Protein backbone atom coordinates (compact mmCIF):
# COMPACT_ATOMS: atom_id res chain seq x y z
CA UNK A 1 -101.91 18.87 -181.18
CA UNK A 2 -101.78 22.08 -180.29
CA UNK A 3 -101.92 24.68 -183.25
CA UNK A 4 -99.11 27.79 -182.82
CA UNK A 5 -99.52 31.16 -182.77
CA UNK A 6 -98.59 34.29 -181.08
CA UNK A 7 -98.15 34.29 -177.26
CA UNK A 8 -100.13 37.19 -175.07
CA UNK A 9 -97.26 37.12 -172.21
CA UNK A 10 -98.37 40.05 -170.34
CA UNK A 11 -102.02 42.34 -169.74
CA UNK A 12 -102.83 45.93 -168.16
CA UNK A 13 -105.82 47.92 -167.76
CA UNK A 14 -107.27 50.29 -166.07
CA UNK A 15 -111.52 50.38 -166.25
CA UNK A 16 -114.35 51.70 -164.14
CA UNK A 17 -113.51 49.45 -161.56
CA UNK A 18 -110.10 51.41 -160.47
CA UNK A 19 -106.31 51.13 -161.30
CA UNK A 20 -104.69 48.14 -162.09
CA UNK A 21 -105.29 44.22 -163.58
CA UNK A 22 -106.42 42.76 -159.69
CA UNK A 23 -109.05 45.83 -159.22
CA UNK A 24 -110.49 44.55 -162.52
CA UNK A 25 -110.77 41.12 -162.22
CA UNK A 26 -112.18 41.43 -158.81
CA UNK A 27 -114.62 43.48 -160.05
CA UNK A 28 -115.55 41.17 -162.68
CA UNK A 29 -115.66 38.22 -160.26
CA UNK A 30 -118.21 40.17 -157.95
CA UNK A 31 -121.13 40.46 -160.85
CA UNK A 32 -121.29 44.36 -159.46
CA UNK A 33 -121.41 46.67 -162.68
CA UNK A 34 -118.39 49.33 -162.67
CA UNK A 35 -120.62 51.75 -163.71
CA UNK A 36 -122.87 54.34 -161.09
CA UNK A 37 -124.21 57.19 -160.62
CA UNK A 38 -122.38 60.29 -161.20
CA UNK A 39 -123.62 63.85 -160.01
CA UNK A 40 -122.66 67.35 -160.92
CA UNK A 41 -120.33 65.96 -163.13
CA UNK A 42 -120.26 69.77 -165.12
CA UNK A 43 -120.92 70.87 -168.66
CA UNK A 44 -123.78 69.15 -169.88
CA UNK A 45 -123.46 66.32 -168.35
CA UNK A 46 -127.05 64.65 -167.59
CA UNK A 47 -127.46 64.59 -163.64
CA UNK A 48 -127.71 61.08 -162.19
CA UNK A 49 -125.39 60.21 -164.94
CA UNK A 50 -125.08 56.12 -165.17
CA UNK A 51 -121.57 56.31 -166.21
CA UNK A 52 -118.68 53.27 -165.95
CA UNK A 53 -115.99 56.30 -164.91
CA UNK A 54 -112.24 55.54 -164.20
CA UNK A 55 -111.54 57.28 -160.75
CA UNK A 56 -109.38 59.98 -160.46
CA UNK A 57 -106.23 60.54 -157.98
CA UNK A 58 -105.09 56.24 -157.95
CA UNK A 59 -102.45 55.95 -160.17
CA UNK A 60 -99.02 57.12 -159.57
CA UNK A 61 -97.55 59.98 -161.42
CA UNK A 62 -95.42 58.48 -164.14
CA UNK A 63 -92.29 60.46 -165.61
CA UNK A 64 -93.15 61.01 -169.49
CA UNK A 65 -96.63 60.35 -169.68
CA UNK A 66 -98.67 63.47 -169.04
CA UNK A 67 -101.24 64.92 -167.13
CA UNK A 68 -104.31 64.08 -167.87
CA UNK A 69 -106.67 60.69 -166.81
CA UNK A 70 -106.25 59.46 -169.98
CA UNK A 71 -102.34 60.07 -170.23
CA UNK A 72 -101.79 58.76 -166.62
CA UNK A 73 -104.33 55.77 -167.64
CA UNK A 74 -102.87 54.74 -170.46
CA UNK A 75 -99.03 54.82 -169.01
CA UNK A 76 -100.30 52.73 -166.06
CA UNK A 77 -101.85 49.85 -168.06
CA UNK A 78 -98.72 50.11 -170.37
CA UNK A 79 -96.21 49.98 -167.68
CA UNK A 80 -98.49 47.12 -165.74
CA UNK A 81 -98.57 44.80 -168.91
CA UNK A 82 -94.84 45.45 -169.57
CA UNK A 83 -93.94 44.68 -165.65
CA UNK A 84 -96.29 41.68 -166.19
CA UNK A 85 -94.35 40.00 -169.15
CA UNK A 86 -91.13 40.83 -167.63
CA UNK A 87 -92.60 39.11 -164.22
CA UNK A 88 -92.78 36.05 -166.40
CA UNK A 89 -89.51 36.07 -167.88
CA UNK A 90 -90.07 38.12 -170.78
CA UNK A 91 -87.03 40.45 -172.50
CA UNK A 92 -87.93 43.15 -174.80
CA UNK A 93 -86.22 42.61 -178.72
CA UNK A 94 -84.55 44.82 -180.83
CA UNK A 95 -87.81 46.46 -182.01
CA UNK A 96 -90.44 46.86 -179.47
CA UNK A 97 -93.55 48.34 -181.45
CA UNK A 98 -96.93 50.29 -179.76
CA UNK A 99 -100.05 49.82 -182.05
CA UNK A 100 -102.03 52.17 -179.92
CA UNK A 101 -106.35 52.13 -180.67
CA UNK A 102 -108.55 54.76 -179.80
CA UNK A 103 -111.93 56.63 -181.04
CA UNK A 104 -111.42 60.48 -179.56
CA UNK A 105 -107.98 60.57 -178.27
CA UNK A 106 -107.88 63.12 -175.28
CA UNK A 107 -111.46 64.68 -175.45
CA UNK A 108 -110.72 66.05 -171.60
CA UNK A 109 -107.70 67.94 -171.93
CA UNK A 110 -109.18 69.47 -175.64
CA UNK A 111 -112.16 70.56 -173.54
CA UNK A 112 -109.79 71.70 -170.98
CA UNK A 113 -107.86 73.74 -173.79
CA UNK A 114 -110.63 75.16 -175.13
CA UNK A 115 -113.39 76.26 -171.83
CA UNK A 116 -110.16 77.10 -169.44
CA UNK A 117 -107.17 78.12 -171.75
CA UNK A 118 -105.15 79.58 -168.53
CA UNK A 119 -105.05 76.36 -166.68
CA UNK A 120 -103.19 74.64 -168.96
CA UNK A 121 -99.65 75.54 -171.31
CA UNK A 122 -100.91 76.00 -174.92
CA UNK A 123 -97.77 74.30 -176.24
CA UNK A 124 -98.23 71.64 -173.66
CA UNK A 125 -101.58 71.11 -174.20
CA UNK A 126 -101.63 70.91 -177.77
CA UNK A 127 -98.57 68.32 -177.19
CA UNK A 128 -100.25 66.03 -175.13
CA UNK A 129 -103.63 65.96 -177.07
CA UNK A 130 -101.39 64.78 -180.22
CA UNK A 131 -103.48 61.14 -181.00
CA UNK A 132 -99.38 59.98 -181.55
CA UNK A 133 -98.36 61.32 -178.16
CA UNK A 134 -99.36 58.86 -175.42
CA UNK A 135 -97.67 55.77 -177.26
CA UNK A 136 -94.52 57.98 -178.10
CA UNK A 137 -94.03 58.85 -174.83
CA UNK A 138 -94.26 55.26 -173.86
CA UNK A 139 -91.26 54.63 -176.33
CA UNK A 140 -89.55 57.23 -174.76
CA UNK A 141 -89.91 56.00 -171.08
CA UNK A 142 -89.28 52.20 -172.01
CA UNK A 143 -86.60 53.30 -175.13
CA UNK A 144 -88.17 51.04 -177.77
CA UNK A 145 -87.14 51.57 -180.89
CA UNK A 146 -90.21 49.83 -183.21
CA UNK A 147 -92.86 51.18 -185.09
CA UNK A 148 -95.63 53.40 -183.27
CA UNK A 149 -98.71 54.01 -184.82
CA UNK A 150 -102.41 54.65 -183.64
CA UNK A 151 -105.27 52.97 -185.25
CA UNK A 152 -109.00 54.25 -185.46
CA UNK A 153 -112.07 52.02 -186.45
CA UNK A 154 -114.50 53.13 -183.69
CA UNK A 155 -115.83 50.54 -181.62
CA UNK A 156 -113.72 47.57 -182.95
CA UNK A 157 -110.26 49.84 -183.31
CA UNK A 158 -108.57 47.39 -180.12
CA UNK A 159 -109.13 44.92 -182.45
CA UNK A 160 -108.01 46.24 -185.40
CA UNK A 161 -104.84 46.96 -183.34
CA UNK A 162 -104.23 43.57 -182.17
CA UNK A 163 -104.69 42.34 -185.96
CA UNK A 164 -101.67 45.41 -186.82
CA UNK A 165 -99.95 43.96 -184.31
CA UNK A 166 -100.18 40.42 -186.01
CA UNK A 167 -98.70 41.49 -189.09
CA UNK A 168 -96.05 43.42 -187.78
CA UNK A 169 -94.77 40.48 -186.00
CA UNK A 170 -95.54 38.30 -189.39
CA UNK A 171 -93.65 40.73 -191.46
CA UNK A 172 -90.59 41.41 -188.90
CA UNK A 173 -90.78 44.96 -188.78
CA UNK A 174 -91.39 44.27 -185.16
CA UNK A 175 -90.23 41.61 -182.46
CA UNK A 176 -92.53 42.14 -180.01
CA UNK A 177 -95.95 44.40 -180.35
CA UNK A 178 -97.39 45.95 -176.97
CA UNK A 179 -101.01 46.51 -178.07
CA UNK A 180 -102.72 49.40 -175.89
CA UNK A 181 -106.29 51.08 -176.36
CA UNK A 182 -107.69 54.09 -174.42
CA UNK A 183 -111.25 55.97 -174.56
CA UNK A 184 -110.96 58.14 -171.20
CA UNK A 185 -112.30 62.10 -170.81
CA UNK A 186 -115.95 61.64 -172.41
CA UNK A 187 -117.87 64.85 -172.00
CA UNK A 188 -121.22 66.16 -171.23
CA UNK A 189 -121.16 67.06 -174.78
CA UNK A 190 -119.89 64.11 -176.43
CA UNK A 191 -122.62 61.84 -174.03
CA UNK A 192 -125.42 64.21 -175.20
CA UNK A 193 -125.17 63.80 -178.97
CA UNK A 194 -124.02 60.15 -178.53
CA UNK A 195 -127.78 59.71 -176.32
CA UNK A 196 -129.17 61.65 -179.23
CA UNK A 197 -128.54 58.91 -181.77
CA UNK A 198 -129.86 56.50 -179.61
CA UNK A 199 -127.82 53.32 -178.19
CA UNK A 200 -125.95 55.20 -175.49
CA UNK A 201 -128.25 55.14 -172.04
CA UNK A 202 -127.36 57.39 -168.87
CA UNK A 203 -130.70 57.45 -166.81
CA UNK A 204 -130.59 53.84 -166.15
CA UNK A 205 -128.61 51.38 -164.50
CA UNK A 206 -126.59 48.73 -166.85
CA UNK A 207 -128.49 45.79 -166.10
CA UNK A 208 -131.66 47.42 -167.29
CA UNK A 209 -130.00 48.93 -169.96
CA UNK A 210 -127.45 46.28 -171.59
CA UNK A 211 -128.41 42.77 -172.00
CA UNK A 212 -126.41 40.89 -174.63
CA UNK A 213 -127.82 38.11 -176.19
CA UNK A 214 -131.33 38.61 -174.21
CA UNK A 215 -135.03 40.31 -174.69
CA UNK A 216 -135.17 43.95 -173.42
CA UNK A 217 -132.15 45.21 -174.25
CA UNK A 218 -132.40 48.68 -175.41
CA UNK A 219 -127.96 49.88 -175.45
CA UNK A 220 -125.17 51.09 -173.25
CA UNK A 221 -124.17 52.82 -170.69
CA UNK A 222 -120.68 54.49 -171.26
CA UNK A 223 -117.66 53.20 -169.71
CA UNK A 224 -113.80 54.58 -169.52
CA UNK A 225 -110.83 52.07 -170.16
CA UNK A 226 -107.15 51.66 -170.88
CA UNK A 227 -106.16 48.58 -171.81
CA UNK A 228 -102.15 46.68 -172.66
CA UNK A 229 -101.16 43.32 -173.90
CA UNK A 230 -97.58 42.43 -174.64
CA UNK A 231 -97.69 40.21 -177.90
CA UNK A 232 -94.05 38.15 -178.34
CA UNK A 233 -92.98 34.52 -179.66
CA UNK A 234 -89.57 35.21 -177.77
CA UNK A 235 -90.91 34.48 -174.08
CA UNK A 236 -89.80 31.70 -172.36
CA UNK A 237 -92.52 31.81 -169.42
CA UNK A 238 -95.91 30.25 -170.37
CA UNK A 239 -98.13 32.67 -172.04
CA UNK A 240 -101.55 34.04 -170.63
CA UNK A 241 -102.75 32.79 -174.33
CA UNK A 242 -102.49 32.49 -178.06
CA UNK A 243 -103.56 34.32 -181.01
CA UNK A 244 -104.11 32.26 -183.72
CA UNK A 245 -105.53 34.73 -186.50
CA UNK A 246 -107.03 37.75 -187.14
CA UNK A 247 -109.09 39.19 -189.69
CA UNK A 248 -110.39 42.67 -190.99
CA UNK A 249 -113.69 43.49 -193.04
CA UNK A 250 -116.44 46.40 -194.39
CA UNK A 251 -119.80 45.85 -195.06
CA UNK A 252 -119.57 48.94 -196.89
CA UNK A 253 -123.29 49.55 -195.80
CA UNK A 254 -123.90 52.61 -193.70
CA UNK A 255 -121.90 55.19 -190.93
CA UNK A 256 -123.57 53.88 -188.30
CA UNK A 257 -125.73 50.70 -188.88
CA UNK A 258 -124.62 46.93 -189.54
CA UNK A 259 -126.07 45.80 -192.61
CA UNK A 260 -129.25 43.56 -192.03
CA UNK A 261 -127.87 40.45 -194.05
CA UNK A 262 -124.35 39.53 -191.90
CA UNK A 263 -123.37 38.29 -195.26
CA UNK A 264 -119.63 40.21 -194.67
CA UNK A 265 -119.45 39.76 -190.95
CA UNK A 266 -120.06 35.91 -191.28
CA UNK A 267 -117.19 36.01 -193.86
CA UNK A 268 -114.65 37.87 -191.74
CA UNK A 269 -115.56 35.27 -189.02
CA UNK A 270 -115.02 31.85 -191.44
CA UNK A 271 -111.70 33.84 -192.61
CA UNK A 272 -110.46 33.86 -189.09
CA UNK A 273 -111.55 30.09 -188.23
CA UNK A 274 -109.39 29.45 -191.61
CA UNK A 275 -106.62 31.31 -191.01
CA UNK A 276 -106.52 29.67 -187.44
CA UNK A 277 -106.64 26.30 -189.20
CA UNK A 278 -110.02 25.76 -186.75
CA UNK A 279 -113.59 25.10 -187.76
CA UNK A 280 -116.69 26.09 -186.50
CA UNK A 281 -117.17 23.27 -184.17
CA UNK A 282 -114.03 23.67 -182.49
CA UNK A 283 -115.01 27.04 -180.98
CA UNK A 284 -116.01 26.94 -177.81
CA UNK A 285 -116.24 30.89 -176.29
CA UNK A 286 -117.70 33.07 -178.51
CA UNK A 287 -116.83 36.39 -177.01
CA UNK A 288 -119.36 38.87 -178.59
CA UNK A 289 -119.25 42.52 -179.32
CA UNK A 290 -122.37 42.79 -177.04
CA UNK A 291 -123.45 46.69 -176.54
CA UNK A 292 -126.83 45.38 -176.29
CA UNK A 293 -128.51 47.51 -179.07
CA UNK A 294 -130.82 45.84 -181.35
CA UNK A 295 -128.99 45.69 -184.01
CA UNK A 296 -126.10 44.47 -182.86
CA UNK A 297 -127.80 41.54 -180.31
CA UNK A 298 -129.31 40.38 -184.18
CA UNK A 299 -125.25 40.14 -185.34
CA UNK A 300 -124.17 38.65 -182.51
CA UNK A 301 -127.14 36.01 -182.47
CA UNK A 302 -125.75 35.71 -186.06
CA UNK A 303 -122.52 34.78 -185.57
CA UNK A 304 -123.79 32.56 -182.25
CA UNK A 305 -125.60 30.63 -184.49
CA UNK A 306 -123.15 30.35 -187.33
CA UNK A 307 -120.79 28.55 -184.54
CA UNK A 308 -123.22 26.05 -184.00
CA UNK A 309 -121.90 25.22 -180.61
CA UNK A 310 -119.68 28.19 -178.50
CA UNK A 311 -121.26 29.44 -175.23
CA UNK A 312 -121.50 33.44 -175.68
CA UNK A 313 -121.15 36.27 -173.81
CA UNK A 314 -120.25 39.57 -173.89
CA UNK A 315 -119.14 42.15 -170.96
CA UNK A 316 -120.47 45.44 -171.72
CA UNK A 317 -122.82 45.30 -168.94
CA UNK A 318 -120.32 45.08 -166.44
CA UNK A 319 -117.10 46.96 -167.87
CA UNK A 320 -119.65 49.66 -169.51
CA UNK A 321 -119.14 50.44 -173.49
CA UNK A 322 -115.38 51.68 -173.43
CA UNK A 323 -115.77 52.54 -176.94
CA UNK A 324 -112.40 51.63 -178.82
CA UNK A 325 -110.89 50.16 -175.91
CA UNK A 326 -113.56 47.43 -175.35
CA UNK A 327 -112.47 44.76 -177.47
CA UNK A 328 -108.46 44.72 -176.39
CA UNK A 329 -110.67 45.07 -173.09
CA UNK A 330 -112.69 41.90 -174.07
CA UNK A 331 -109.01 40.60 -174.91
CA UNK A 332 -107.27 41.07 -171.61
CA UNK A 333 -110.33 39.43 -169.82
CA UNK A 334 -110.10 36.53 -172.26
CA UNK A 335 -106.51 36.02 -171.71
CA UNK A 336 -106.46 36.34 -167.99
CA UNK A 337 -109.32 34.05 -167.82
CA UNK A 338 -107.24 30.90 -168.99
CA UNK A 339 -105.09 30.95 -166.57
CA UNK A 340 -107.34 31.71 -163.63
CA UNK A 341 -109.25 29.18 -164.63
CA UNK A 342 -112.67 30.93 -165.02
CA UNK A 343 -113.96 34.08 -166.98
CA UNK A 344 -116.22 35.73 -164.82
CA UNK A 345 -119.66 36.89 -167.10
CA UNK A 346 -122.75 38.94 -166.22
CA UNK A 347 -125.44 37.32 -164.76
CA UNK A 348 -128.72 37.01 -167.60
CA UNK A 349 -131.68 39.21 -166.12
CA UNK A 350 -134.12 38.59 -169.04
CA UNK A 351 -134.86 35.78 -171.44
CA UNK A 352 -131.82 34.91 -173.73
CA UNK A 353 -130.40 32.61 -175.95
CA UNK A 354 -129.77 28.90 -175.47
CA UNK A 355 -126.20 28.97 -175.30
CA UNK A 356 -125.69 32.27 -173.81
CA UNK A 357 -123.22 31.72 -170.49
CA UNK A 358 -125.03 32.55 -167.52
CA UNK A 359 -122.63 32.30 -165.16
CA UNK A 360 -118.71 32.26 -164.40
CA UNK A 361 -117.58 29.97 -167.05
CA UNK A 362 -114.94 27.42 -165.42
CA UNK A 363 -112.43 27.02 -168.16
CA UNK A 364 -108.20 27.07 -168.82
CA UNK A 365 -108.20 25.70 -172.15
CA UNK A 366 -110.36 26.33 -175.58
CA UNK A 367 -110.70 28.12 -178.53
CA UNK A 368 -112.41 31.44 -178.10
CA UNK A 369 -113.81 33.64 -181.09
CA UNK A 370 -114.19 37.07 -180.35
CA UNK A 371 -115.77 40.19 -182.83
CA UNK A 372 -115.19 43.19 -182.98
CA UNK A 373 -117.71 45.73 -185.03
CA UNK A 374 -117.34 49.66 -185.22
CA UNK A 375 -118.94 52.85 -186.90
CA UNK A 376 -117.86 53.01 -190.25
CA UNK A 377 -118.82 49.20 -191.20
CA UNK A 378 -115.59 47.87 -189.52
CA UNK A 379 -115.49 44.60 -188.65
CA UNK A 380 -112.60 42.33 -187.10
CA UNK A 381 -112.37 38.65 -185.32
CA UNK A 382 -109.70 37.09 -184.05
CA UNK A 383 -109.29 33.72 -182.99
CA UNK A 384 -107.81 32.64 -179.44
CA UNK A 385 -106.33 29.37 -177.90
CA UNK A 386 -104.77 28.99 -174.39
CA UNK A 387 -100.91 28.19 -174.40
CA UNK A 388 -100.23 24.13 -174.63
CA UNK A 389 -99.93 22.59 -170.80
CA UNK A 390 -96.50 22.90 -169.55
CA UNK A 391 -94.15 20.59 -171.77
CA UNK A 392 -96.14 20.13 -174.69
CA UNK A 393 -95.26 22.48 -177.63
CA UNK A 394 -97.54 23.63 -179.67
CA UNK A 395 -97.84 22.02 -183.19
């Protein structure tokens, strides 16, 4: 008997590997981190900065999308996910919504507006830099008339957006939802300030820095990304995966720290499992928040131990920490892995948890629990499953 859920029928992505799902998948499958050492980025970027930066100039220009890397990458991810869904037989319903996740909107455009104001139209740059503009322009480009909104919950934003999308569908405010996330355009000031806080490391490669569930982990290398998934119950084609449940919470502890007892985090996990109609012993894979910081490693270990037998993994050593886009990028990779029959994961580089996935996972089924953690005490969890085999309906 297969549990019901909301099908994921289309996916799209732009990452430090390049533009498009295929490029992302090839990069992950290679085991090579997307981050590279960048020189002469300008501003206050550290020289020789390790950074999984979205490359410029690879995406086609799109009408009603904007001119910056943020706007173009966002539009590319949305259009790829929609085309992917249509190729699988999906047709938009009456009220297609967009729920967009981000932490900062377009920082690169903001920097240009202040430091080189003569190079941009003041009116145009003001409109383009508004948080609501990228999803709004996608609504115009595709003539969608459902709700369009922006969700910001720090680094759990992408999973928060997915939870909001589920509620829009359940309440009938939307017939389909395109869930999107983007954090692109970091500058030297932002990176220097974040590094001063401690978790961001810019002077060493990812394998020396970010080691989820392993000894010697110090934090993360910054990344950029745009991601999109299409949720719809109306698709006739076999979906990538199904969202069974999502839950949200807060540990009410500190602006940037995780409460050490993890009580609220485990409650959110248990609530997600209960809402999905499943139990801990049925979870086969744990998609960890996985920033590699000491606090996050402790939290992820607490969840992995709580689940009991799931295999744990985190993708930030390969993709970099893509901030608000990170949880949705994890969802995109998870969804693709069910169809591809394998999940590429980072190879461990030091002693680790006994249930840490140590090589690509061969799989086309099995329940996945995903966790998102963000500044401000934000916690989110979601439960996913593969679609039923052809000809076998969900319960």
